[in-house]
Amino acid sequence: MVAAIFLCGAGGLMFYSYLAPITVGILGSEELLPFILLVVGLVGVGSALLGGNLTDQIGSRRARITVLGGHAATLGILALLGCFTPPTWLFIAAVGFWALFAWALNPPMQASTIAAAPEAPMTAVALNISGLYLGTAAAGAIGGVLLDHFGPLSIPVVGTAFLACALLAATPPIPTAER
């Protein structure tokens, strides 16, 4: 789980960290960035609750695979939008759907981590969140290099690749009766 959460941080938070230059690269302006960030925040509030509810209803393994798959898919769609100039509403809607999955990720990942180490749940959660923080640091560094050398539209492409790897890392079942 730690590898998966690291890759989620590196991929998804790379996109979020560099949302301003990506927005300029796709829309040609950052004029709507405050509104886009408002959308991300408002969606985030509800999606954290959605991620917890989904985890309670279908279990942490199925929830993490569903949320990670949606996270990778929506960032992939955003990468594709960089290939042309989409309507503004389409870009904002895609960012909103990305936020839905990005911010729903924590509950199933934390529940999976606790299920994987029931004898030391707080240590496991601490290790998991350390993986996220390390992924966030990697996102900033890798995103900066990508921005400097390949431009802002390379960031969602590479972020999608990280999220696809996270999905692969999170797919094997954890050794519990949780399934």
Foldseek 3Di string as FASTA:
>chain_A
DLLLLLLLLQQLLLCVVLVQQLCCLQAVHCPCVVVLVVLLVVLLVVLLVVLQVVCVPQNLLVSLLVLLVQLLVLLVVSLVSSVHRDPPVVNSVSSNSNSSSSNSNPNSVLRQQCQLCVVCSVVSSVSNVVSSVNSNVNSVVVSVVCCVPPNNSVSSVVSSVSSVVSSVVSNDHRPDPRD
